[in-house]
Protein backbone atom coordinates (compact mmCIF):
# COMPACT_ATOMS: atom_id res chain seq x y z
CA MET A 1 -29.20 -20.83 -45.93
CA SER A 2 -30.08 -20.62 -42.27
CA ASP A 3 -33.37 -20.38 -40.43
CA VAL A 4 -35.05 -21.73 -37.34
CA GLY A 5 -35.83 -25.23 -38.51
CA ASN A 6 -38.69 -27.42 -37.46
CA ILE A 7 -36.52 -30.30 -36.31
CA THR A 8 -34.50 -28.98 -33.40
CA ALA A 9 -33.10 -30.77 -30.38
CA GLY A 10 -35.34 -33.70 -31.15
CA HIS A 11 -38.53 -31.65 -31.36
CA HIS A 12 -40.55 -31.63 -34.56
CA THR A 13 -43.12 -28.85 -34.79
CA GLY A 14 -44.83 -30.33 -37.83
CA HIS A 15 -45.11 -26.99 -39.65
CA GLU A 16 -44.58 -27.52 -43.35
CA GLY A 17 -42.37 -25.03 -45.16
CA ASP A 18 -39.94 -24.30 -42.30
CA TYR A 19 -36.26 -24.56 -43.16
CA LEU A 20 -34.90 -27.95 -42.17
CA PHE A 21 -31.67 -27.09 -40.34
CA ASP A 22 -31.50 -25.02 -37.18
CA PRO A 23 -28.61 -22.49 -36.99
CA ALA A 24 -28.73 -22.78 -33.20
CA TRP A 25 -27.66 -26.44 -33.38
CA ASN A 26 -24.20 -26.55 -31.84
CA ARG A 27 -22.72 -28.41 -34.84
CA GLU A 28 -24.42 -26.52 -37.65
CA SER A 29 -21.34 -24.46 -38.55
CA GLU A 30 -19.33 -27.66 -38.83
CA ARG A 31 -22.03 -29.24 -41.01
CA LEU A 32 -22.03 -26.24 -43.35
CA ARG A 33 -18.22 -26.25 -43.66
CA ALA A 34 -18.31 -29.94 -44.54
CA ASN A 35 -21.02 -29.20 -47.09
CA GLU A 36 -18.77 -26.56 -48.65
CA SER A 37 -15.97 -29.11 -48.94
CA LEU A 38 -18.32 -31.36 -50.88
CA TRP A 39 -19.66 -28.84 -53.39
CA ASP A 40 -17.47 -25.70 -53.60
CA GLN A 41 -15.01 -26.96 -56.19
CA GLY A 42 -17.75 -27.67 -58.73
CA THR A 43 -19.57 -24.41 -57.99
CA VAL A 44 -16.39 -22.38 -58.50
CA GLU A 45 -15.63 -24.17 -61.77
CA ARG A 46 -19.10 -23.19 -63.02
CA LEU A 47 -18.77 -19.58 -61.85
CA GLU A 48 -15.47 -19.38 -63.74
CA ARG A 49 -17.19 -20.81 -66.82
CA LEU A 50 -19.86 -18.12 -66.56
CA GLY A 51 -17.10 -15.52 -66.69
CA VAL A 52 -17.51 -13.89 -63.28
CA GLY A 53 -14.82 -11.23 -63.20
CA ALA A 54 -13.71 -7.72 -62.30
CA GLY A 55 -16.50 -5.24 -61.81
CA TRP A 56 -19.34 -7.78 -61.66
CA SER A 57 -22.25 -7.22 -59.29
CA CYS A 58 -23.32 -10.52 -57.69
CA LEU A 59 -26.00 -11.63 -55.26
CA GLU A 60 -25.43 -14.77 -53.19
CA VAL A 61 -28.75 -16.00 -51.74
CA GLY A 62 -28.30 -18.31 -48.74
CA ALA A 63 -24.64 -17.41 -48.26
CA GLY A 64 -24.12 -19.83 -45.34
CA GLN A 65 -20.56 -19.76 -44.03
CA GLY A 66 -19.45 -17.52 -46.90
CA SER A 67 -16.98 -19.62 -48.90
CA ILE A 68 -18.53 -18.70 -52.26
CA VAL A 69 -18.91 -15.07 -51.19
CA ARG A 70 -15.20 -14.98 -50.38
CA TRP A 71 -14.32 -16.40 -53.81
CA MET A 72 -16.64 -13.96 -55.58
CA ALA A 73 -15.18 -10.99 -53.70
CA GLU A 74 -11.65 -11.88 -54.81
CA ARG A 75 -12.90 -12.35 -58.36
CA VAL A 76 -14.87 -9.10 -58.80
CA GLY A 77 -12.30 -6.96 -57.00
CA PRO A 78 -12.71 -3.41 -55.70
CA THR A 79 -14.82 -2.28 -58.66
CA GLY A 80 -17.39 -5.05 -58.11
CA ARG A 81 -20.13 -5.66 -55.60
CA ILE A 82 -21.19 -8.77 -53.68
CA LEU A 83 -24.44 -8.78 -51.72
CA ALA A 84 -24.43 -11.77 -49.35
CA ALA A 85 -27.95 -12.54 -48.15
CA ASP A 86 -29.10 -15.06 -45.57
CA LEU A 87 -31.57 -15.41 -42.73
CA ASP A 88 -28.62 -15.63 -40.33
CA ILE A 89 -25.75 -13.31 -41.29
CA GLY A 90 -23.76 -13.85 -38.09
CA PRO A 91 -21.26 -16.28 -39.70
CA LEU A 92 -20.68 -13.76 -42.52
CA LYS A 93 -19.69 -10.77 -40.36
CA ARG A 94 -15.98 -11.45 -40.89
CA LEU A 95 -16.47 -10.85 -44.63
CA GLU A 96 -18.23 -7.49 -44.29
CA ASN A 97 -15.70 -5.34 -46.12
CA PRO A 98 -15.92 -3.85 -49.63
CA PRO A 99 -16.88 -5.24 -52.06
CA VAL A 100 -19.00 -7.44 -49.74
CA GLU A 101 -22.27 -6.17 -48.25
CA LEU A 102 -24.44 -8.24 -45.91
CA ARG A 103 -28.22 -8.31 -45.69
CA ARG A 104 -30.55 -10.38 -43.55
CA LEU A 105 -33.08 -11.50 -46.11
CA ASP A 106 -35.78 -14.15 -46.52
CA VAL A 107 -36.17 -14.92 -50.22
CA ARG A 108 -39.62 -16.37 -49.47
CA THR A 109 -41.05 -13.00 -48.45
CA ASP A 110 -38.57 -10.16 -48.98
CA GLU A 111 -38.14 -8.26 -52.22
CA LEU A 112 -34.64 -8.00 -53.67
CA PRO A 113 -33.03 -4.91 -55.23
CA GLY A 114 -34.45 -4.56 -58.74
CA ALA A 115 -32.33 -4.98 -61.89
CA ALA A 116 -29.14 -4.64 -59.85
CA PHE A 117 -27.01 -7.75 -60.49
CA ASP A 118 -25.04 -9.41 -63.27
CA LEU A 119 -25.33 -12.75 -61.44
CA VAL A 120 -27.68 -14.22 -58.85
CA HIS A 121 -26.57 -17.53 -57.32
CA ALA A 122 -28.27 -19.80 -54.79
CA ARG A 123 -27.11 -23.29 -53.75
CA MET A 124 -29.31 -25.71 -51.85
CA VAL A 125 -31.85 -23.03 -51.01
CA LEU A 126 -34.83 -23.45 -53.31
CA GLN A 127 -35.49 -27.11 -52.55
CA HIS A 128 -36.21 -26.15 -48.95
CA LEU A 129 -38.97 -23.73 -49.95
CA GLU A 130 -42.69 -24.43 -50.16
CA ASP A 131 -42.96 -22.05 -53.14
CA PRO A 132 -39.63 -22.03 -55.00
CA ALA A 133 -41.18 -20.54 -58.15
CA THR A 134 -41.93 -17.26 -56.34
CA ALA A 135 -38.34 -17.10 -55.09
CA VAL A 136 -37.07 -17.65 -58.64
CA ARG A 137 -39.23 -14.78 -59.90
CA ARG A 138 -37.80 -12.51 -57.18
CA MET A 139 -34.24 -13.47 -58.12
CA VAL A 140 -34.90 -12.87 -61.82
CA ARG A 141 -36.29 -9.40 -61.07
CA ALA A 142 -33.00 -8.67 -59.28
CA LEU A 143 -31.02 -9.37 -62.47
CA ARG A 144 -29.99 -6.69 -64.90
CA PRO A 145 -31.00 -7.31 -68.54
CA GLY A 146 -28.58 -9.94 -69.80
CA GLY A 147 -27.74 -11.07 -66.25
CA VAL A 148 -27.46 -14.74 -65.31
CA LEU A 149 -29.43 -16.79 -62.79
CA PHE A 150 -27.42 -19.77 -61.49
CA VAL A 151 -29.22 -22.05 -59.03
CA GLU A 152 -28.15 -25.43 -57.64
CA ASP A 153 -30.29 -28.06 -55.92
CA THR A 154 -30.12 -31.82 -55.65
CA ASP A 155 -31.69 -35.02 -56.84
CA ALA A 156 -31.21 -37.45 -53.95
CA LEU A 157 -31.70 -40.69 -55.89
CA THR A 158 -27.99 -41.54 -56.22
CA LEU A 159 -27.02 -40.96 -52.59
CA PHE A 160 -25.20 -43.94 -50.98
CA ARG A 161 -24.90 -45.96 -54.18
CA SER A 162 -21.70 -47.92 -53.63
CA ALA A 163 -19.45 -50.55 -55.16
CA ALA A 164 -19.80 -52.51 -51.93
CA SER A 165 -23.57 -52.79 -52.17
CA GLU A 166 -26.39 -51.28 -54.16
CA ASP A 167 -28.28 -51.14 -50.88
CA PHE A 168 -25.48 -49.53 -48.79
CA LEU A 169 -27.34 -47.41 -46.20
CA LYS A 170 -30.50 -47.55 -48.33
CA ASP A 171 -32.74 -47.86 -45.27
CA VAL A 172 -31.06 -44.80 -43.74
CA HIS A 173 -31.55 -42.88 -46.98
CA THR A 174 -35.25 -43.76 -47.11
CA ALA A 175 -35.92 -42.93 -43.46
CA ALA A 176 -33.95 -39.68 -43.43
CA TYR A 177 -35.61 -38.27 -46.51
CA GLN A 178 -39.01 -39.25 -45.17
CA VAL A 179 -38.32 -36.96 -42.21
CA MET A 180 -36.87 -34.21 -44.40
CA GLU A 181 -39.87 -34.16 -46.72
CA GLN A 182 -42.10 -33.47 -43.71
CA THR A 183 -40.58 -29.97 -43.67
CA GLY A 184 -41.49 -29.34 -47.30
CA TYR A 185 -38.02 -30.31 -48.53
CA SER A 186 -37.95 -31.64 -52.09
CA MET A 187 -35.77 -34.64 -52.95
CA ARG A 188 -35.97 -33.59 -56.62
CA GLY A 189 -35.42 -29.88 -56.15
CA GLY A 190 -32.91 -29.56 -58.98
CA HIS A 191 -35.50 -30.67 -61.51
CA PHE A 192 -37.96 -28.03 -60.31
CA ASP A 193 -35.26 -25.34 -60.61
CA HIS A 194 -34.91 -26.15 -64.30
CA ARG A 195 -38.64 -26.03 -64.88
CA ALA A 196 -38.96 -22.74 -62.97
CA ALA A 197 -36.20 -21.16 -65.07
CA LEU A 198 -38.05 -22.15 -68.22
CA ASP A 199 -41.41 -20.97 -66.87
CA VAL A 200 -40.11 -17.52 -65.93
CA GLY A 201 -38.95 -16.78 -69.46
CA LEU A 202 -35.17 -16.88 -69.16
CA GLU A 203 -33.13 -17.41 -72.29
CA ASP A 204 -30.45 -20.04 -72.99
CA VAL A 205 -31.72 -22.18 -70.11
CA TRP A 206 -29.79 -25.37 -69.56
CA ALA A 207 -28.95 -27.67 -66.67
CA GLU A 208 -26.31 -30.24 -65.76
CA GLY A 209 -25.67 -32.52 -62.82
CA ARG A 210 -22.60 -33.53 -60.85
CA ALA A 211 -22.00 -36.10 -58.14
CA VAL A 212 -18.98 -36.65 -55.93
CA MET A 213 -17.49 -39.92 -54.67
CA VAL A 214 -17.20 -39.71 -50.90
CA GLN A 215 -14.70 -41.67 -48.78
CA GLY A 216 -15.70 -42.65 -45.28
CA GLY A 217 -13.93 -40.72 -42.55
CA SER A 218 -13.20 -37.70 -44.78
CA LEU A 219 -14.42 -34.13 -44.32
CA ARG A 220 -16.94 -34.78 -47.08
CA ALA A 221 -18.19 -37.84 -45.21
CA ARG A 222 -18.45 -35.70 -42.08
CA MET A 223 -21.28 -33.78 -43.73
CA TYR A 224 -23.35 -36.97 -43.93
CA VAL A 225 -22.47 -37.99 -40.36
CA LEU A 226 -23.68 -34.62 -39.07
CA TRP A 227 -26.76 -34.74 -41.30
CA LEU A 228 -27.70 -38.09 -39.76
CA GLU A 229 -26.91 -36.95 -36.21
CA TYR A 230 -29.13 -33.91 -36.68
CA LEU A 231 -31.99 -36.09 -37.87
CA ARG A 232 -31.38 -38.82 -35.28
CA PRO A 233 -33.88 -37.61 -32.63
CA GLU A 234 -36.73 -37.46 -35.13
CA LEU A 235 -35.79 -40.76 -36.80
CA LEU A 236 -35.97 -42.44 -33.39
CA ALA A 237 -39.11 -40.59 -32.29
CA GLN A 238 -40.98 -41.72 -35.39
CA GLY A 239 -39.66 -45.29 -35.10
CA LEU A 240 -38.07 -45.15 -38.54
CA LEU A 241 -34.66 -46.37 -37.35
CA THR A 242 -33.30 -47.81 -34.10
CA GLU A 243 -30.51 -46.26 -32.07
CA GLU A 244 -28.36 -49.27 -32.94
CA ARG A 245 -28.96 -48.86 -36.67
CA VAL A 246 -28.07 -45.15 -36.58
CA ASP A 247 -24.88 -45.95 -34.65
CA GLU A 248 -24.03 -48.64 -37.19
CA ALA A 249 -24.59 -46.18 -40.08
CA VAL A 250 -22.35 -43.57 -38.44
CA ARG A 251 -19.60 -46.17 -38.07
CA ALA A 252 -19.96 -47.05 -41.76
CA MET A 253 -19.69 -43.38 -42.73
CA ASN A 254 -16.56 -43.02 -40.62
CA ASP A 255 -14.86 -46.09 -42.13
CA PRO A 256 -12.25 -45.13 -44.79
CA ALA A 257 -12.81 -48.49 -46.49
CA ASN A 258 -16.27 -47.30 -47.59
CA HIS A 259 -16.89 -45.12 -50.64
CA TRP A 260 -20.28 -43.89 -51.81
CA LEU A 261 -21.82 -41.52 -54.30
CA SER A 262 -23.31 -38.21 -53.23
CA GLN A 263 -26.61 -36.80 -54.40
CA VAL A 264 -26.57 -35.29 -57.88
CA LEU A 265 -26.32 -31.52 -57.58
CA ILE A 266 -28.16 -30.06 -60.58
CA SER A 267 -26.93 -26.66 -61.77
CA THR A 268 -29.46 -24.63 -63.75
CA TYR A 269 -28.51 -21.53 -65.72
CA GLY A 270 -30.60 -18.95 -67.54
CA ARG A 271 -30.09 -15.44 -68.90
CA LYS A 272 -32.52 -12.56 -68.45
CA PRO A 273 -33.57 -11.18 -71.82
CA ALA A 274 -31.58 -8.06 -72.72
């Protein structure tokens, strides 16, 4: 998902509910690609388990750089339909060929096509929203009877747990999430997804979590380096970390000798009553 965030170039506007990351940041595309490297494999495995196949109509909310859209398009084939929605569809233009359609859309305020999709998927979108329950209701209305909602958001508790030290980068974790929560971001978003799916009356609701071991210096580790670099100006401005401590943390993330656990990404599934 992309939007004009409220932490940009070291300036924090202090408006709750704005999306955290700024698409105008010159390294945002790189951050999103690294994020895909961290989570795509597990997302694809779950989409396969759900049976996504030829002729399916799918909506991808917060399509980002488009890696999941590309996989879906290959899977549904020429008889299917993929609607890729985001606040910034520029990075998706290269994918705009049948069965892929693009739409600039804000799930916080814009209505979705009604009863049009076999699957609606959103990853790391809802936990950025001030009112995720309303977004879930919109996505459910977009499902055909019997269609599946599949949403993924994180629980940040496990991040940076390591064999080297239970407190590996713990101060960085605490400070960074303090800044993130000022934007309305939820550290426990995956739990709220599950509750929202139950509250909206979906059937067969269940949820599971996955975490990934990250090696320093890898593409997956790069996601965390860029995450910290993006937050650096605000961490320093608020006096939460020193420049030296941020530099030290970046070196630790770039060191192949270090391994740490990611957040837990919680996948929630529910079926719209037929």
